[in-house]
Amino acid sequence: MEALLDILQGLHPEVDFSTCDTLIDGKILDSFDIVTIVAEVNAEYDVAIPAEEMIPENFNSASALWALIEKLMDE
């Protein structure tokens, strides 16, 4: 999860990603951020996030995104 937090901090260093749970709802992350996150997660964790998993619930918090990554790594 530490690498994921590093990825997110690189995009928005002003956000506390360990506690924020409104990354999409609060318009902190935009579509360009999502594309960057997907690419960097793919490179870091060797998982591809399928289009059907690119829903706000999976990107609203670092913990939700981490849960998705773990699920994809287990598949």
PDB file of N, CA and C in Angstrom:
ATOM      1  N   MET A   1       0.827  -1.199   0.000  1.00  0.00           N
ATOM      2  CA  MET A   1       0.000   0.000   0.000  1.00  0.00           C
ATOM      3  C   MET A   1       0.870   1.261   0.000  1.00  0.00           C
ATOM      4  N   GLU A   2       2.082   1.153   0.516  1.00  0.00           N
ATOM      5  CA  GLU A   2       2.949   2.318   0.581  1.00  0.00           C
ATOM      6  C   GLU A   2       3.264   2.865  -0.811  1.00  0.00           C
ATOM      7  N   ALA A   3       3.489   1.974  -1.764  1.00  0.00           N
ATOM      8  CA  ALA A   3       3.761   2.420  -3.136  1.00  0.00           C
ATOM      9  C   ALA A   3       2.542   3.122  -3.719  1.00  0.00           C
ATOM     10  N   LEU A   4       1.355   2.626  -3.408  1.00  0.00           N
ATOM     11  CA  LEU A   4       0.121   3.271  -3.873  1.00  0.00           C
ATOM     12  C   LEU A   4       0.016   4.679  -3.296  1.00  0.00           C
ATOM     13  N   LEU A   5       0.280   4.826  -2.018  1.00  0.00           N
ATOM     14  CA  LEU A   5       0.229   6.153  -1.405  1.00  0.00           C
ATOM     15  C   LEU A   5       1.259   7.081  -2.039  1.00  0.00           C
ATOM     16  N   ASP A   6       2.423   6.545  -2.389  1.00  0.00           N
ATOM     17  CA  ASP A   6       3.439   7.354  -3.074  1.00  0.00           C
ATOM     18  C   ASP A   6       2.939   7.828  -4.437  1.00  0.00           C
ATOM     19  N   ILE A   7       2.263   6.935  -5.161  1.00  0.00           N
ATOM     20  CA  ILE A   7       1.695   7.302  -6.464  1.00  0.00           C
ATOM     21  C   ILE A   7       0.694   8.443  -6.289  1.00  0.00           C
ATOM     22  N   LEU A   8      -0.206   8.293  -5.322  1.00  0.00           N
ATOM     23  CA  LEU A   8      -1.237   9.299  -5.091  1.00  0.00           C
ATOM     24  C   LEU A   8      -0.635  10.619  -4.618  1.00  0.00           C
ATOM     25  N   GLN A   9       0.339  10.552  -3.710  1.00  0.00           N
ATOM     26  CA  GLN A   9       0.986  11.763  -3.214  1.00  0.00           C
ATOM     27  C   GLN A   9       1.703  12.510  -4.336  1.00  0.00           C
ATOM     28  N   GLY A  10       2.229  11.760  -5.302  1.00  0.00           N
ATOM     29  CA  GLY A  10       2.887  12.387  -6.436  1.00  0.00           C
ATOM     30  C   GLY A  10       1.929  13.224  -7.267  1.00  0.00           C
ATOM     31  N   LEU A  11       0.661  12.841  -7.271  1.00  0.00           N
ATOM     32  CA  LEU A  11      -0.346  13.592  -8.029  1.00  0.00           C
ATOM     33  C   LEU A  11      -0.852  14.811  -7.265  1.00  0.00           C
ATOM     34  N   HIS A  12      -1.105  14.620  -5.970  1.00  0.00           N
ATOM     35  CA  HIS A  12      -1.682  15.686  -5.143  1.00  0.00           C
ATOM     36  C   HIS A  12      -1.041  15.667  -3.762  1.00  0.00           C
ATOM     37  N   PRO A  13       0.138  16.264  -3.619  1.00  0.00           N
ATOM     38  CA  PRO A  13       0.847  16.222  -2.338  1.00  0.00           C
ATOM     39  C   PRO A  13       0.103  16.908  -1.189  1.00  0.00           C
ATOM     40  N   GLU A  14      -0.871  17.738  -1.517  1.00  0.00           N
ATOM     41  CA  GLU A  14      -1.603  18.467  -0.484  1.00  0.00           C
ATOM     42  C   GLU A  14      -2.705  17.635   0.184  1.00  0.00           C
ATOM     43  N   VAL A  15      -2.992  16.445  -0.337  1.00  0.00           N
ATOM     44  CA  VAL A  15      -4.097  15.616   0.157  1.00  0.00           C
ATOM     45  C   VAL A  15      -3.570  14.545   1.103  1.00  0.00           C
ATOM     46  N   ASP A  16      -4.297  14.324   2.204  1.00  0.00           N
ATOM     47  CA  ASP A  16      -3.974  13.222   3.118  1.00  0.00           C
ATOM     48  C   ASP A  16      -4.725  11.987   2.633  1.00  0.00           C
ATOM     49  N   PHE A  17      -4.060  11.200   1.810  1.00  0.00           N
ATOM     50  CA  PHE A  17      -4.705  10.044   1.193  1.00  0.00           C
ATOM     51  C   PHE A  17      -4.992   8.922   2.187  1.00  0.00           C
ATOM     52  N   SER A  18      -4.351   8.953   3.345  1.00  0.00           N
ATOM     53  CA  SER A  18      -4.610   7.897   4.325  1.00  0.00           C
ATOM     54  C   SER A  18      -5.970   8.070   4.990  1.00  0.00           C
ATOM     55  N   THR A  19      -6.545   9.272   4.934  1.00  0.00           N
ATOM     56  CA  THR A  19      -7.848   9.489   5.577  1.00  0.00           C
ATOM     57  C   THR A  19      -8.947   9.952   4.614  1.00  0.00           C
ATOM     58  N   CYS A  20      -8.590  10.525   3.486  1.00  0.00           N
ATOM     59  CA  CYS A  20      -9.586  11.081   2.566  1.00  0.00           C
ATOM     60  C   CYS A  20     -10.383   9.969   1.892  1.00  0.00           C
ATOM     61  N   ASP A  21     -11.709  10.092   1.944  1.00  0.00           N
ATOM     62  CA  ASP A  21     -12.573   9.093   1.295  1.00  0.00           C
ATOM     63  C   ASP A  21     -13.543   9.741   0.303  1.00  0.00           C
ATOM     64  N   THR A  22     -13.162  10.910  -0.194  1.00  0.00           N
ATOM     65  CA  THR A  22     -13.993  11.622  -1.176  1.00  0.00           C
ATOM     66  C   THR A  22     -13.142  12.082  -2.363  1.00  0.00           C
ATOM     67  N   LEU A  23     -12.240  11.228  -2.792  1.00  0.00           N
ATOM     68  CA  LEU A  23     -11.328  11.619  -3.872  1.00  0.00           C
ATOM     69  C   LEU A  23     -12.068  11.907  -5.171  1.00  0.00           C
ATOM     70  N   ILE A  24     -13.093  11.131  -5.460  1.00  0.00           N
ATOM     71  CA  ILE A  24     -13.905  11.359  -6.668  1.00  0.00           C
ATOM     72  C   ILE A  24     -15.056  12.308  -6.340  1.00  0.00           C
ATOM     73  N   ASP A  25     -15.802  11.983  -5.281  1.00  0.00           N
ATOM     74  CA  ASP A  25     -16.965  12.799  -4.912  1.00  0.00           C
ATOM     75  C   ASP A  25     -16.580  14.246  -4.631  1.00  0.00           C
ATOM     76  N   GLY A  26     -15.382  14.454  -4.064  1.00  0.00           N
ATOM     77  CA  GLY A  26     -14.914  15.795  -3.757  1.00  0.00           C
ATOM     78  C   GLY A  26     -14.150  16.451  -4.899  1.00  0.00           C
ATOM     79  N   LYS A  27     -14.129  15.765  -6.035  1.00  0.00           N
ATOM     80  CA  LYS A  27     -13.459  16.271  -7.247  1.00  0.00           C
ATOM     81  C   LYS A  27     -11.966  16.546  -7.031  1.00  0.00           C
ATOM     82  N   ILE A  28     -11.343  15.739  -6.173  1.00  0.00           N
ATOM     83  CA  ILE A  28      -9.895  15.848  -5.965  1.00  0.00           C
ATOM     84  C   ILE A  28      -9.171  15.201  -7.138  1.00  0.00           C
ATOM     85  N   LEU A  29      -9.645  14.019  -7.541  1.00  0.00           N
ATOM     86  CA  LEU A  29      -9.072  13.333  -8.692  1.00  0.00           C
ATOM     87  C   LEU A  29      -9.918  13.610  -9.928  1.00  0.00           C
ATOM     88  N   ASP A  30      -9.247  13.887 -11.041  1.00  0.00           N
ATOM     89  CA  ASP A  30      -9.967  14.063 -12.303  1.00  0.00           C
ATOM     90  C   ASP A  30      -9.630  12.900 -13.238  1.00  0.00           C
ATOM     91  N   SER A  31     -10.151  12.936 -14.427  1.00  0.00           N
ATOM     92  CA  SER A  31      -9.971  11.814 -15.356  1.00  0.00           C
ATOM     93  C   SER A  31      -8.503  11.603 -15.720  1.00  0.00           C
ATOM     94  N   PHE A  32      -7.743  12.682 -15.804  1.00  0.00           N
ATOM     95  CA  PHE A  32      -6.312  12.537 -16.107  1.00  0.00           C
ATOM     96  C   PHE A  32      -5.579  11.845 -14.962  1.00  0.00           C
ATOM     97  N   ASP A  33      -5.978  12.175 -13.729  1.00  0.00           N
ATOM     98  CA  ASP A  33      -5.394  11.506 -12.558  1.00  0.00           C
ATOM     99  C   ASP A  33      -5.701  10.017 -12.589  1.00  0.00           C
ATOM    100  N   ILE A  34      -6.924   9.663 -12.944  1.00  0.00           N
ATOM    101  CA  ILE A  34      -7.325   8.251 -12.988  1.00  0.00           C
ATOM    102  C   ILE A  34      -6.481   7.501 -14.009  1.00  0.00           C
ATOM    103  N   VAL A  35      -6.294   8.081 -15.175  1.00  0.00           N
ATOM    104  CA  VAL A  35      -5.472   7.443 -16.210  1.00  0.00           C
ATOM    105  C   VAL A  35      -4.052   7.230 -15.688  1.00  0.00           C
ATOM    106  N   THR A  36      -3.498   8.232 -15.030  1.00  0.00           N
ATOM    107  CA  THR A  36      -2.152   8.117 -14.466  1.00  0.00           C
ATOM    108  C   THR A  36      -2.094   7.038 -13.397  1.00  0.00           C
ATOM    109  N   ILE A  37      -3.073   7.021 -12.513  1.00  0.00           N
ATOM    110  CA  ILE A  37      -3.116   6.019 -11.443  1.00  0.00           C
ATOM    111  C   ILE A  37      -3.190   4.620 -12.033  1.00  0.00           C
ATOM    112  N   VAL A  38      -4.069   4.419 -13.009  1.00  0.00           N
ATOM    113  CA  VAL A  38      -4.225   3.102 -13.635  1.00  0.00           C
ATOM    114  C   VAL A  38      -2.908   2.648 -14.253  1.00  0.00           C
ATOM    115  N   ALA A  39      -2.233   3.533 -14.955  1.00  0.00           N
ATOM    116  CA  ALA A  39      -0.960   3.179 -15.588  1.00  0.00           C
ATOM    117  C   ALA A  39       0.101   2.861 -14.551  1.00  0.00           C
ATOM    118  N   GLU A  40       0.190   3.673 -13.509  1.00  0.00           N
ATOM    119  CA  GLU A  40       1.219   3.458 -12.492  1.00  0.00           C
ATOM    120  C   GLU A  40       0.929   2.219 -11.637  1.00  0.00           C
ATOM    121  N   VAL A  41      -0.339   1.958 -11.357  1.00  0.00           N
ATOM    122  CA  VAL A  41      -0.706   0.740 -10.620  1.00  0.00           C
ATOM    123  C   VAL A  41      -0.351  -0.483 -11.454  1.00  0.00           C
ATOM    124  N   ASN A  42      -0.614  -0.415 -12.740  1.00  0.00           N
ATOM    125  CA  ASN A  42      -0.269  -1.519 -13.632  1.00  0.00           C
ATOM    126  C   ASN A  42       1.241  -1.783 -13.587  1.00  0.00           C
ATOM    127  N   ALA A  43       2.021  -0.731 -13.656  1.00  0.00           N
ATOM    128  CA  ALA A  43       3.477  -0.878 -13.652  1.00  0.00           C
ATOM    129  C   ALA A  43       3.991  -1.361 -12.293  1.00  0.00           C
ATOM    130  N   GLU A  44       3.446  -0.826 -11.215  1.00  0.00           N
ATOM    131  CA  GLU A  44       3.941  -1.143  -9.868  1.00  0.00           C
ATOM    132  C   GLU A  44       3.503  -2.525  -9.394  1.00  0.00           C
ATOM    133  N   TYR A  45       2.247  -2.869  -9.647  1.00  0.00           N
ATOM    134  CA  TYR A  45       1.682  -4.103  -9.090  1.00  0.00           C
ATOM    135  C   TYR A  45       1.432  -5.181 -10.140  1.00  0.00           C
ATOM    136  N   ASP A  46       1.709  -4.880 -11.411  1.00  0.00           N
ATOM    137  CA  ASP A  46       1.501  -5.824 -12.498  1.00  0.00           C
ATOM    138  C   ASP A  46       0.063  -6.342 -12.549  1.00  0.00           C
ATOM    139  N   VAL A  47      -0.875  -5.424 -12.383  1.00  0.00           N
ATOM    140  CA  VAL A  47      -2.297  -5.741 -12.524  1.00  0.00           C
ATOM    141  C   VAL A  47      -2.916  -4.749 -13.497  1.00  0.00           C
ATOM    142  N   ALA A  48      -3.856  -5.228 -14.273  1.00  0.00           N
ATOM    143  CA  ALA A  48      -4.594  -4.359 -15.189  1.00  0.00           C
ATOM    144  C   ALA A  48      -5.973  -4.121 -14.593  1.00  0.00           C
ATOM    145  N   ILE A  49      -6.332  -2.873 -14.424  1.00  0.00           N
ATOM    146  CA  ILE A  49      -7.657  -2.547 -13.896  1.00  0.00           C
ATOM    147  C   ILE A  49      -8.629  -2.540 -15.063  1.00  0.00           C
ATOM    148  N   PRO A  50      -9.565  -3.504 -15.077  1.00  0.00           N
ATOM    149  CA  PRO A  50     -10.512  -3.568 -16.204  1.00  0.00           C
ATOM    150  C   PRO A  50     -11.487  -2.387 -16.187  1.00  0.00           C
ATOM    151  N   ALA A  51     -12.012  -2.068 -17.341  1.00  0.00           N
ATOM    152  CA  ALA A  51     -12.916  -0.924 -17.483  1.00  0.00           C
ATOM    153  C   ALA A  51     -14.100  -1.007 -16.530  1.00  0.00           C
ATOM    154  N   GLU A  52     -14.637  -2.208 -16.321  1.00  0.00           N
ATOM    155  CA  GLU A  52     -15.814  -2.339 -15.449  1.00  0.00           C
ATOM    156  C   GLU A  52     -15.504  -2.060 -13.979  1.00  0.00           C
ATOM    157  N   GLU A  53     -14.218  -2.026 -13.624  1.00  0.00           N
ATOM    158  CA  GLU A  53     -13.826  -1.705 -12.246  1.00  0.00           C
ATOM    159  C   GLU A  53     -13.501  -0.218 -12.076  1.00  0.00           C
ATOM    160  N   MET A  54     -13.539   0.541 -13.161  1.00  0.00           N
ATOM    161  CA  MET A  54     -13.253   1.974 -13.085  1.00  0.00           C
ATOM    162  C   MET A  54     -14.525   2.732 -12.744  1.00  0.00           C
ATOM    163  N   ILE A  55     -14.941   2.532 -11.501  1.00  0.00           N
ATOM    164  CA  ILE A  55     -16.141   3.173 -10.980  1.00  0.00           C
ATOM    165  C   ILE A  55     -15.738   4.049  -9.794  1.00  0.00           C
ATOM    166  N   PRO A  56     -16.501   5.086  -9.510  1.00  0.00           N
ATOM    167  CA  PRO A  56     -16.120   6.007  -8.422  1.00  0.00           C
ATOM    168  C   PRO A  56     -15.831   5.310  -7.091  1.00  0.00           C
ATOM    169  N   GLU A  57     -16.603   4.296  -6.754  1.00  0.00           N
ATOM    170  CA  GLU A  57     -16.416   3.615  -5.471  1.00  0.00           C
ATOM    171  C   GLU A  57     -15.009   3.049  -5.321  1.00  0.00           C
ATOM    172  N   ASN A  58     -14.391   2.631  -6.420  1.00  0.00           N
ATOM    173  CA  ASN A  58     -13.053   2.047  -6.357  1.00  0.00           C
ATOM    174  C   ASN A  58     -11.943   3.091  -6.297  1.00  0.00           C
ATOM    175  N   PHE A  59     -12.280   4.346  -6.553  1.00  0.00           N
ATOM    176  CA  PHE A  59     -11.266   5.402  -6.587  1.00  0.00           C
ATOM    177  C   PHE A  59     -11.531   6.512  -5.576  1.00  0.00           C
ATOM    178  N   ASN A  60     -12.533   6.354  -4.729  1.00  0.00           N
ATOM    179  CA  ASN A  60     -12.892   7.409  -3.779  1.00  0.00           C
ATOM    180  C   ASN A  60     -11.928   7.500  -2.603  1.00  0.00           C
ATOM    181  N   SER A  61     -11.169   6.434  -2.351  1.00  0.00           N
ATOM    182  CA  SER A  61     -10.190   6.458  -1.259  1.00  0.00           C
ATOM    183  C   SER A  61      -9.025   5.545  -1.612  1.00  0.00           C
ATOM    184  N   ALA A  62      -7.918   5.783  -0.956  1.00  0.00           N
ATOM    185  CA  ALA A  62      -6.746   4.921  -1.165  1.00  0.00           C
ATOM    186  C   ALA A  62      -7.061   3.501  -0.709  1.00  0.00           C
ATOM    187  N   SER A  63      -7.821   3.361   0.372  1.00  0.00           N
ATOM    188  CA  SER A  63      -8.139   2.018   0.866  1.00  0.00           C
ATOM    189  C   SER A  63      -9.036   1.262  -0.107  1.00  0.00           C
ATOM    190  N   ALA A  64      -9.970   1.954  -0.746  1.00  0.00           N
ATOM    191  CA  ALA A  64     -10.821   1.293  -1.741  1.00  0.00           C
ATOM    192  C   ALA A  64     -10.000   0.872  -2.952  1.00  0.00           C
ATOM    193  N   LEU A  65      -9.092   1.723  -3.365  1.00  0.00           N
ATOM    194  CA  LEU A  65      -8.230   1.390  -4.498  1.00  0.00           C
ATOM    195  C   LEU A  65      -7.303   0.234  -4.133  1.00  0.00           C
ATOM    196  N   TRP A  66      -6.801   0.236  -2.906  1.00  0.00           N
ATOM    197  CA  TRP A  66      -5.935  -0.852  -2.458  1.00  0.00           C
ATOM    198  C   TRP A  66      -6.711  -2.180  -2.426  1.00  0.00           C
ATOM    199  N   ALA A  67      -7.958  -2.141  -1.981  1.00  0.00           N
ATOM    200  CA  ALA A  67      -8.788  -3.353  -1.959  1.00  0.00           C
ATOM    201  C   ALA A  67      -8.964  -3.893  -3.378  1.00  0.00           C
ATOM    202  N   LEU A  68      -9.161  -3.005  -4.338  1.00  0.00           N
ATOM    203  CA  LEU A  68      -9.288  -3.413  -5.734  1.00  0.00           C
ATOM    204  C   LEU A  68      -7.977  -4.054  -6.224  1.00  0.00           C
ATOM    205  N   ILE A  69      -6.866  -3.435  -5.911  1.00  0.00           N
ATOM    206  CA  ILE A  69      -5.568  -3.968  -6.332  1.00  0.00           C
ATOM    207  C   ILE A  69      -5.351  -5.361  -5.746  1.00  0.00           C
ATOM    208  N   GLU A  70      -5.643  -5.523  -4.452  1.00  0.00           N
ATOM    209  CA  GLU A  70      -5.494  -6.833  -3.816  1.00  0.00           C
ATOM    210  C   GLU A  70      -6.378  -7.884  -4.476  1.00  0.00           C
ATOM    211  N   LYS A  71      -7.608  -7.485  -4.779  1.00  0.00           N
ATOM    212  CA  LYS A  71      -8.541  -8.412  -5.452  1.00  0.00           C
ATOM    213  C   LYS A  71      -7.971  -8.838  -6.815  1.00  0.00           C
ATOM    214  N   LEU A  72      -7.444  -7.886  -7.568  1.00  0.00           N
ATOM    215  CA  LEU A  72      -6.909  -8.189  -8.888  1.00  0.00           C
ATOM    216  C   LEU A  72      -5.636  -9.025  -8.790  1.00  0.00           C
ATOM    217  N   MET A  73      -4.833  -8.816  -7.769  1.00  0.00           N
ATOM    218  CA  MET A  73      -3.620  -9.610  -7.595  1.00  0.00           C
ATOM    219  C   MET A  73      -3.957 -11.057  -7.241  1.00  0.00           C
ATOM    220  N   ASP A  74      -5.095 -11.267  -6.577  1.00  0.00           N
ATOM    221  CA  ASP A  74      -5.505 -12.618  -6.186  1.00  0.00           C
ATOM    222  C   ASP A  74      -6.119 -13.401  -7.334  1.00  0.00           C
ATOM    223  N   GLU A  75      -6.505 -12.717  -8.391  1.00  0.00           N
ATOM    224  CA  GLU A  75      -7.183 -13.399  -9.522  1.00  0.00           C
ATOM    225  C   GLU A  75      -6.175 -14.118 -10.405  1.00  0.00           C
TER     226      GLU A  75
END
